[in-house]
């Protein structure tokens, strides 16, 4: 999953952070809440922190963490999940 730096039809494949590009948040909200995509693995193709230190470390890229948080906020909680958090 990735947003796009360039508009549809530009023939340029440049990845952007979720919700920060030409697509915005709504397409991601729709995909994440569509039953047909439940349980399918998804891949983040967003910009990474590219420093010497980040390349040496093996933990999660901080920009991936931010994009995952954005995606998780877009997911609608099921009524069962919402009721258990009251």
PDB file of N, CA and C in Angstrom:
ATOM      1  N   UNK A   1       0.847  -1.170   0.000  1.00  0.00           N
ATOM      2  CA  UNK A   1       0.000   0.000   0.000  1.00  0.00           C
ATOM      3  C   UNK A   1       0.892   1.232   0.000  1.00  0.00           C
ATOM      4  N   UNK A   2       0.493   2.198  -0.810  1.00  0.00           N
ATOM      5  CA  UNK A   2       1.204   3.476  -0.812  1.00  0.00           C
ATOM      6  C   UNK A   2       0.331   4.535  -1.457  1.00  0.00           C
ATOM      7  N   UNK A   3       0.518   5.749  -1.033  1.00  0.00           N
ATOM      8  CA  UNK A   3      -0.118   6.885  -1.694  1.00  0.00           C
ATOM      9  C   UNK A   3       0.787   7.246  -2.873  1.00  0.00           C
ATOM     10  N   UNK A   4       0.398   8.210  -3.675  1.00  0.00           N
ATOM     11  CA  UNK A   4       1.158   8.538  -4.873  1.00  0.00           C
ATOM     12  C   UNK A   4       1.553  10.011  -4.901  1.00  0.00           C
ATOM     13  N   UNK A   5       2.815  10.266  -5.232  1.00  0.00           N
ATOM     14  CA  UNK A   5       3.280  11.649  -5.350  1.00  0.00           C
ATOM     15  C   UNK A   5       2.708  12.324  -6.591  1.00  0.00           C
ATOM     16  N   UNK A   6       2.374  11.545  -7.598  1.00  0.00           N
ATOM     17  CA  UNK A   6       1.883  12.085  -8.874  1.00  0.00           C
ATOM     18  C   UNK A   6       0.452  11.606  -9.114  1.00  0.00           C
ATOM     19  N   UNK A   7      -0.349  12.369  -9.869  1.00  0.00           N
ATOM     20  CA  UNK A   7      -1.739  11.979 -10.111  1.00  0.00           C
ATOM     21  C   UNK A   7      -1.858  10.756 -11.016  1.00  0.00           C
ATOM     22  N   UNK A   8      -3.011  10.125 -10.961  1.00  0.00           N
ATOM     23  CA  UNK A   8      -3.321   8.969 -11.800  1.00  0.00           C
ATOM     24  C   UNK A   8      -3.131   9.336 -13.272  1.00  0.00           C
ATOM     25  N   UNK A   9      -2.507   8.451 -14.018  1.00  0.00           N
ATOM     26  CA  UNK A   9      -2.278   8.678 -15.436  1.00  0.00           C
ATOM     27  C   UNK A   9      -0.988   9.405 -15.746  1.00  0.00           C
ATOM     28  N   UNK A  10      -0.228   9.765 -14.715  1.00  0.00           N
ATOM     29  CA  UNK A  10       1.021  10.506 -14.944  1.00  0.00           C
ATOM     30  C   UNK A  10       2.137   9.605 -15.450  1.00  0.00           C
ATOM     31  N   UNK A  11       1.939   8.290 -15.339  1.00  0.00           N
ATOM     32  CA  UNK A  11       2.945   7.298 -15.735  1.00  0.00           C
ATOM     33  C   UNK A  11       4.227   7.419 -14.914  1.00  0.00           C
ATOM     34  N   UNK A  12       4.084   7.925 -13.690  1.00  0.00           N
ATOM     35  CA  UNK A  12       5.207   8.062 -12.762  1.00  0.00           C
ATOM     36  C   UNK A  12       4.847   7.283 -11.503  1.00  0.00           C
ATOM     37  N   UNK A  13       5.711   6.376 -11.083  1.00  0.00           N
ATOM     38  CA  UNK A  13       5.452   5.551  -9.897  1.00  0.00           C
ATOM     39  C   UNK A  13       6.338   6.030  -8.750  1.00  0.00           C
ATOM     40  N   UNK A  14       5.897   7.072  -8.084  1.00  0.00           N
ATOM     41  CA  UNK A  14       6.631   7.614  -6.932  1.00  0.00           C
ATOM     42  C   UNK A  14       5.755   7.487  -5.699  1.00  0.00           C
ATOM     43  N   UNK A  15       6.242   6.751  -4.716  1.00  0.00           N
ATOM     44  CA  UNK A  15       5.465   6.455  -3.520  1.00  0.00           C
ATOM     45  C   UNK A  15       5.489   7.610  -2.535  1.00  0.00           C
ATOM     46  N   UNK A  16       4.363   7.761  -1.827  1.00  0.00           N
ATOM     47  CA  UNK A  16       4.212   8.793  -0.811  1.00  0.00           C
ATOM     48  C   UNK A  16       3.628   8.143   0.438  1.00  0.00           C
ATOM     49  N   UNK A  17       3.732   8.829   1.561  1.00  0.00           N
ATOM     50  CA  UNK A  17       3.170   8.331   2.817  1.00  0.00           C
ATOM     51  C   UNK A  17       1.647   8.272   2.720  1.00  0.00           C
ATOM     52  N   UNK A  18       1.063   7.341   3.471  1.00  0.00           N
ATOM     53  CA  UNK A  18      -0.383   7.134   3.461  1.00  0.00           C
ATOM     54  C   UNK A  18      -1.100   8.436   3.807  1.00  0.00           C
ATOM     55  N   UNK A  19      -1.996   8.864   2.901  1.00  0.00           N
ATOM     56  CA  UNK A  19      -2.789  10.071   3.125  1.00  0.00           C
ATOM     57  C   UNK A  19      -2.099  11.376   2.783  1.00  0.00           C
ATOM     58  N   UNK A  20      -0.841  11.334   2.384  1.00  0.00           N
ATOM     59  CA  UNK A  20      -0.080  12.551   2.109  1.00  0.00           C
ATOM     60  C   UNK A  20       0.093  12.828   0.619  1.00  0.00           C
ATOM     61  N   UNK A  21      -0.430  11.961  -0.222  1.00  0.00           N
ATOM     62  CA  UNK A  21      -0.244  12.122  -1.659  1.00  0.00           C
ATOM     63  C   UNK A  21      -1.534  12.452  -2.385  1.00  0.00           C
ATOM     64  N   UNK A  22      -1.563  12.156  -3.650  1.00  0.00           N
ATOM     65  CA  UNK A  22      -2.701  12.482  -4.520  1.00  0.00           C
ATOM     66  C   UNK A  22      -3.959  11.676  -4.180  1.00  0.00           C
ATOM     67  N   UNK A  23      -3.802  10.504  -3.588  1.00  0.00           N
ATOM     68  CA  UNK A  23      -4.967   9.684  -3.264  1.00  0.00           C
ATOM     69  C   UNK A  23      -5.707  10.190  -2.034  1.00  0.00           C
ATOM     70  N   UNK A  24      -4.977  10.613  -1.022  1.00  0.00           N
ATOM     71  CA  UNK A  24      -5.613  10.999   0.237  1.00  0.00           C
ATOM     72  C   UNK A  24      -5.961   9.772   1.063  1.00  0.00           C
ATOM     73  N   UNK A  25      -6.763   9.958   2.098  1.00  0.00           N
ATOM     74  CA  UNK A  25      -7.063   8.871   3.029  1.00  0.00           C
ATOM     75  C   UNK A  25      -8.246   7.991   2.618  1.00  0.00           C
ATOM     76  N   UNK A  26      -9.212   8.545   1.907  1.00  0.00           N
ATOM     77  CA  UNK A  26     -10.457   7.817   1.638  1.00  0.00           C
ATOM     78  C   UNK A  26     -10.269   6.478   0.921  1.00  0.00           C
ATOM     79  N   UNK A  27      -9.437   6.356  -0.113  1.00  0.00           N
ATOM     80  CA  UNK A  27      -9.265   5.027  -0.737  1.00  0.00           C
ATOM     81  C   UNK A  27      -8.726   3.980   0.247  1.00  0.00           C
ATOM     82  N   UNK A  28      -7.862   4.391   1.140  1.00  0.00           N
ATOM     83  CA  UNK A  28      -7.308   3.457   2.130  1.00  0.00           C
ATOM     84  C   UNK A  28      -8.381   3.052   3.134  1.00  0.00           C
ATOM     85  N   UNK A  29      -9.213   4.009   3.553  1.00  0.00           N
ATOM     86  CA  UNK A  29     -10.318   3.704   4.472  1.00  0.00           C
ATOM     87  C   UNK A  29     -11.235   2.661   3.824  1.00  0.00           C
ATOM     88  N   UNK A  30     -11.536   2.842   2.553  1.00  0.00           N
ATOM     89  CA  UNK A  30     -12.433   1.904   1.843  1.00  0.00           C
ATOM     90  C   UNK A  30     -11.818   0.513   1.743  1.00  0.00           C
ATOM     91  N   UNK A  31     -10.553   0.430   1.395  1.00  0.00           N
ATOM     92  CA  UNK A  31      -9.885  -0.875   1.265  1.00  0.00           C
ATOM     93  C   UNK A  31      -9.836  -1.581   2.613  1.00  0.00           C
ATOM     94  N   UNK A  32      -9.435  -0.869   3.645  1.00  0.00           N
ATOM     95  CA  UNK A  32      -9.271  -1.489   4.965  1.00  0.00           C
ATOM     96  C   UNK A  32     -10.583  -1.947   5.576  1.00  0.00           C
ATOM     97  N   UNK A  33     -11.688  -1.359   5.160  1.00  0.00           N
ATOM     98  CA  UNK A  33     -12.978  -1.712   5.739  1.00  0.00           C
ATOM     99  C   UNK A  33     -13.843  -2.534   4.787  1.00  0.00           C
ATOM    100  N   UNK A  34     -13.273  -3.009   3.711  1.00  0.00           N
ATOM    101  CA  UNK A  34     -13.975  -3.852   2.745  1.00  0.00           C
ATOM    102  C   UNK A  34     -13.748  -5.315   3.130  1.00  0.00           C
ATOM    103  N   UNK A  35     -14.822  -6.041   3.334  1.00  0.00           N
ATOM    104  CA  UNK A  35     -14.743  -7.451   3.748  1.00  0.00           C
ATOM    105  C   UNK A  35     -13.883  -8.299   2.813  1.00  0.00           C
ATOM    106  N   UNK A  36     -13.874  -7.961   1.534  1.00  0.00           N
ATOM    107  CA  UNK A  36     -13.129  -8.769   0.558  1.00  0.00           C
ATOM    108  C   UNK A  36     -11.626  -8.756   0.813  1.00  0.00           C
ATOM    109  N   UNK A  37     -11.136  -7.775   1.539  1.00  0.00           N
ATOM    110  CA  UNK A  37      -9.696  -7.667   1.788  1.00  0.00           C
ATOM    111  C   UNK A  37      -9.295  -8.136   3.184  1.00  0.00           C
ATOM    112  N   UNK A  38     -10.266  -8.534   3.995  1.00  0.00           N
ATOM    113  CA  UNK A  38      -9.953  -8.990   5.360  1.00  0.00           C
ATOM    114  C   UNK A  38      -9.064 -10.217   5.323  1.00  0.00           C
ATOM    115  N   UNK A  39      -8.057 -10.207   6.148  1.00  0.00           N
ATOM    116  CA  UNK A  39      -7.187 -11.364   6.273  1.00  0.00           C
ATOM    117  C   UNK A  39      -6.108 -11.467   5.203  1.00  0.00           C
ATOM    118  N   UNK A  40      -6.116 -10.559   4.238  1.00  0.00           N
ATOM    119  CA  UNK A  40      -5.083 -10.608   3.205  1.00  0.00           C
ATOM    120  C   UNK A  40      -3.835  -9.856   3.675  1.00  0.00           C
ATOM    121  N   UNK A  41      -2.670 -10.406   3.393  1.00  0.00           N
ATOM    122  CA  UNK A  41      -1.446  -9.677   3.746  1.00  0.00           C
ATOM    123  C   UNK A  41      -1.305  -8.444   2.849  1.00  0.00           C
ATOM    124  N   UNK A  42      -0.783  -7.382   3.400  1.00  0.00           N
ATOM    125  CA  UNK A  42      -0.560  -6.161   2.635  1.00  0.00           C
ATOM    126  C   UNK A  42       0.862  -5.684   2.893  1.00  0.00           C
ATOM    127  N   UNK A  43       1.397  -4.967   1.944  1.00  0.00           N
ATOM    128  CA  UNK A  43       2.778  -4.515   1.995  1.00  0.00           C
ATOM    129  C   UNK A  43       2.823  -2.997   1.925  1.00  0.00           C
ATOM    130  N   UNK A  44       3.616  -2.377   2.789  1.00  0.00           N
ATOM    131  CA  UNK A  44       3.807  -0.930   2.733  1.00  0.00           C
ATOM    132  C   UNK A  44       4.913  -0.612   1.736  1.00  0.00           C
ATOM    133  N   UNK A  45       4.599   0.217   0.765  1.00  0.00           N
ATOM    134  CA  UNK A  45       5.600   0.689  -0.206  1.00  0.00           C
ATOM    135  C   UNK A  45       5.692   2.207  -0.079  1.00  0.00           C
ATOM    136  N   UNK A  46       6.070   2.659   1.085  1.00  0.00           N
ATOM    137  CA  UNK A  46       6.150   4.083   1.370  1.00  0.00           C
ATOM    138  C   UNK A  46       7.611   4.475   1.601  1.00  0.00           C
ATOM    139  N   UNK A  47       7.921   5.767   1.535  1.00  0.00           N
ATOM    140  CA  UNK A  47       9.308   6.192   1.763  1.00  0.00           C
ATOM    141  C   UNK A  47       9.828   5.721   3.130  1.00  0.00           C
ATOM    142  N   UNK A  48      11.096   5.403   3.155  1.00  0.00           N
ATOM    143  CA  UNK A  48      11.749   4.932   4.386  1.00  0.00           C
ATOM    144  C   UNK A  48      12.745   5.987   4.870  1.00  0.00           C
ATOM    145  N   UNK A  49      13.074   5.895   6.144  1.00  0.00           N
ATOM    146  CA  UNK A  49      14.106   6.741   6.717  1.00  0.00           C
ATOM    147  C   UNK A  49      15.440   6.191   6.223  1.00  0.00           C
ATOM    148  N   UNK A  50      16.157   6.947   5.457  1.00  0.00           N
ATOM    149  CA  UNK A  50      17.378   6.445   4.834  1.00  0.00           C
ATOM    150  C   UNK A  50      18.604   7.142   5.405  1.00  0.00           C
ATOM    151  N   UNK A  51      19.065   6.615   6.535  1.00  0.00           N
ATOM    152  CA  UNK A  51      20.295   7.116   7.149  1.00  0.00           C
ATOM    153  C   UNK A  51      21.195   5.923   7.428  1.00  0.00           C
ATOM    154  N   UNK A  52      22.451   6.190   7.649  1.00  0.00           N
ATOM    155  CA  UNK A  52      23.389   5.097   7.948  1.00  0.00           C
ATOM    156  C   UNK A  52      22.937   4.322   9.179  1.00  0.00           C
ATOM    157  N   UNK A  53      22.485   5.030  10.203  1.00  0.00           N
ATOM    158  CA  UNK A  53      22.047   4.357  11.430  1.00  0.00           C
ATOM    159  C   UNK A  53      20.794   3.518  11.183  1.00  0.00           C
ATOM    160  N   UNK A  54      19.821   4.062  10.446  1.00  0.00           N
ATOM    161  CA  UNK A  54      18.586   3.309  10.213  1.00  0.00           C
ATOM    162  C   UNK A  54      18.846   2.058   9.382  1.00  0.00           C
ATOM    163  N   UNK A  55      19.817   2.082   8.503  1.00  0.00           N
ATOM    164  CA  UNK A  55      20.145   0.900   7.700  1.00  0.00           C
ATOM    165  C   UNK A  55      20.812  -0.183   8.547  1.00  0.00           C
ATOM    166  N   UNK A  56      21.520   0.207   9.613  1.00  0.00           N
ATOM    167  CA  UNK A  56      22.177  -0.762  10.503  1.00  0.00           C
ATOM    168  C   UNK A  56      21.192  -1.415  11.459  1.00  0.00           C
ATOM    169  N   UNK A  57      20.156  -0.684  11.829  1.00  0.00           N
ATOM    170  CA  UNK A  57      19.207  -1.202  12.814  1.00  0.00           C
ATOM    171  C   UNK A  57      18.251  -2.191  12.168  1.00  0.00           C
ATOM    172  N   UNK A  58      17.794  -3.153  12.934  1.00  0.00           N
ATOM    173  CA  UNK A  58      16.914  -4.176  12.373  1.00  0.00           C
ATOM    174  C   UNK A  58      15.467  -4.022  12.829  1.00  0.00           C
ATOM    175  N   UNK A  59      15.170  -2.998  13.634  1.00  0.00           N
ATOM    176  CA  UNK A  59      13.791  -2.836  14.092  1.00  0.00           C
ATOM    177  C   UNK A  59      12.949  -2.127  13.029  1.00  0.00           C
ATOM    178  N   UNK A  60      11.725  -1.831  13.347  1.00  0.00           N
ATOM    179  CA  UNK A  60      10.785  -1.237  12.397  1.00  0.00           C
ATOM    180  C   UNK A  60      11.171   0.204  12.086  1.00  0.00           C
ATOM    181  N   UNK A  61      11.146   0.543  10.816  1.00  0.00           N
ATOM    182  CA  UNK A  61      11.429   1.901  10.377  1.00  0.00           C
ATOM    183  C   UNK A  61      10.401   2.851  11.015  1.00  0.00           C
ATOM    184  N   UNK A  62      10.819   3.977  11.576  1.00  0.00           N
ATOM    185  CA  UNK A  62       9.872   4.899  12.220  1.00  0.00           C
ATOM    186  C   UNK A  62       8.820   5.442  11.251  1.00  0.00           C
ATOM    187  N   UNK A  63       9.160   5.568   9.986  1.00  0.00           N
ATOM    188  CA  UNK A  63       8.169   6.034   9.017  1.00  0.00           C
ATOM    189  C   UNK A  63       7.141   4.944   8.719  1.00  0.00           C
ATOM    190  N   UNK A  64       7.567   3.674   8.727  1.00  0.00           N
ATOM    191  CA  UNK A  64       6.611   2.569   8.599  1.00  0.00           C
ATOM    192  C   UNK A  64       5.666   2.560   9.792  1.00  0.00           C
ATOM    193  N   UNK A  65       6.203   2.788  10.964  1.00  0.00           N
ATOM    194  CA  UNK A  65       5.379   2.832  12.181  1.00  0.00           C
ATOM    195  C   UNK A  65       4.302   3.913  12.041  1.00  0.00           C
ATOM    196  N   UNK A  66       4.694   5.089  11.545  1.00  0.00           N
ATOM    197  CA  UNK A  66       3.749   6.189  11.366  1.00  0.00           C
ATOM    198  C   UNK A  66       2.674   5.828  10.333  1.00  0.00           C
ATOM    199  N   UNK A  67       3.067   5.218   9.219  1.00  0.00           N
ATOM    200  CA  UNK A  67       2.099   4.827   8.198  1.00  0.00           C
ATOM    201  C   UNK A  67       1.146   3.750   8.708  1.00  0.00           C
ATOM    202  N   UNK A  68       1.661   2.813   9.480  1.00  0.00           N
ATOM    203  CA  UNK A  68       0.800   1.781  10.067  1.00  0.00           C
ATOM    204  C   UNK A  68      -0.206   2.390  11.041  1.00  0.00           C
ATOM    205  N   UNK A  69       0.226   3.353  11.839  1.00  0.00           N
ATOM    206  CA  UNK A  69      -0.693   4.033  12.758  1.00  0.00           C
ATOM    207  C   UNK A  69      -1.803   4.738  11.985  1.00  0.00           C
ATOM    208  N   UNK A  70      -1.442   5.378  10.893  1.00  0.00           N
ATOM    209  CA  UNK A  70      -2.442   6.048  10.054  1.00  0.00           C
ATOM    210  C   UNK A  70      -3.452   5.039   9.533  1.00  0.00           C
ATOM    211  N   UNK A  71      -2.973   3.914   9.020  1.00  0.00           N
ATOM    212  CA  UNK A  71      -3.868   2.886   8.488  1.00  0.00           C
ATOM    213  C   UNK A  71      -4.764   2.303   9.580  1.00  0.00           C
ATOM    214  N   UNK A  72      -4.214   2.060  10.743  1.00  0.00           N
ATOM    215  CA  UNK A  72      -5.011   1.493  11.848  1.00  0.00           C
ATOM    216  C   UNK A  72      -6.116   2.444  12.281  1.00  0.00           C
ATOM    217  N   UNK A  73      -5.851   3.751  12.261  1.00  0.00           N
ATOM    218  CA  UNK A  73      -6.884   4.728  12.627  1.00  0.00           C
ATOM    219  C   UNK A  73      -8.046   4.724  11.629  1.00  0.00           C
ATOM    220  N   UNK A  74      -7.790   4.302  10.411  1.00  0.00           N
ATOM    221  CA  UNK A  74      -8.829   4.287   9.383  1.00  0.00           C
ATOM    222  C   UNK A  74      -9.750   3.079   9.483  1.00  0.00           C
ATOM    223  N   UNK A  75      -9.333   2.081  10.220  1.00  0.00           N
ATOM    224  CA  UNK A  75     -10.140   0.867  10.348  1.00  0.00           C
ATOM    225  C   UNK A  75     -11.306   1.124  11.291  1.00  0.00           C
ATOM    226  N   UNK A  76     -12.495   0.732  10.840  1.00  0.00           N
ATOM    227  CA  UNK A  76     -13.692   0.869  11.667  1.00  0.00           C
ATOM    228  C   UNK A  76     -13.745  -0.316  12.603  1.00  0.00           C
ATOM    229  N   UNK A  77     -13.943  -0.035  13.874  1.00  0.00           N
ATOM    230  CA  UNK A  77     -14.036  -1.119  14.840  1.00  0.00           C
ATOM    231  C   UNK A  77     -15.359  -1.842  14.658  1.00  0.00           C
ATOM    232  N   UNK A  78     -15.321  -3.150  14.826  1.00  0.00           N
ATOM    233  CA  UNK A  78     -16.561  -3.927  14.763  1.00  0.00           C
ATOM    234  C   UNK A  78     -17.370  -3.626  16.026  1.00  0.00           C
ATOM    235  N   UNK A  79     -18.696  -3.779  15.990  1.00  0.00           N
ATOM    236  CA  UNK A  79     -19.516  -3.511  17.170  1.00  0.00           C
ATOM    237  C   UNK A  79     -19.067  -4.337  18.383  1.00  0.00           C
ATOM    238  N   UNK A  80     -18.641  -5.576  18.146  1.00  0.00           N
ATOM    239  CA  UNK A  80     -18.176  -6.439  19.231  1.00  0.00           C
ATOM    240  C   UNK A  80     -16.939  -5.831  19.900  1.00  0.00           C
ATOM    241  N   UNK A  81     -15.985  -5.350  19.111  1.00  0.00           N
ATOM    242  CA  UNK A  81     -14.765  -4.739  19.633  1.00  0.00           C
ATOM    243  C   UNK A  81     -15.092  -3.456  20.376  1.00  0.00           C
ATOM    244  N   UNK A  82     -15.952  -2.625  19.819  1.00  0.00           N
ATOM    245  CA  UNK A  82     -16.317  -1.352  20.446  1.00  0.00           C
ATOM    246  C   UNK A  82     -16.998  -1.578  21.787  1.00  0.00           C
ATOM    247  N   UNK A  83     -17.898  -2.572  21.855  1.00  0.00           N
ATOM    248  CA  UNK A  83     -18.621  -2.849  23.094  1.00  0.00           C
ATOM    249  C   UNK A  83     -17.682  -3.330  24.187  1.00  0.00           C
ATOM    250  N   UNK A  84     -16.644  -4.069  23.824  1.00  0.00           N
ATOM    251  CA  UNK A  84     -15.747  -4.609  24.846  1.00  0.00           C
ATOM    252  C   UNK A  84     -14.839  -3.525  25.431  1.00  0.00           C
ATOM    253  N   UNK A  85     -14.709  -2.387  24.761  1.00  0.00           N
ATOM    254  CA  UNK A  85     -13.832  -1.331  25.249  1.00  0.00           C
ATOM    255  C   UNK A  85     -14.579  -0.321  26.119  1.00  0.00           C
ATOM    256  N   UNK A  86     -15.886  -0.509  26.311  1.00  0.00           N
ATOM    257  CA  UNK A  86     -16.663   0.444  27.128  1.00  0.00           C
ATOM    258  C   UNK A  86     -16.420   0.253  28.584  1.00  0.00           C
TER     259      UNK A  86
END
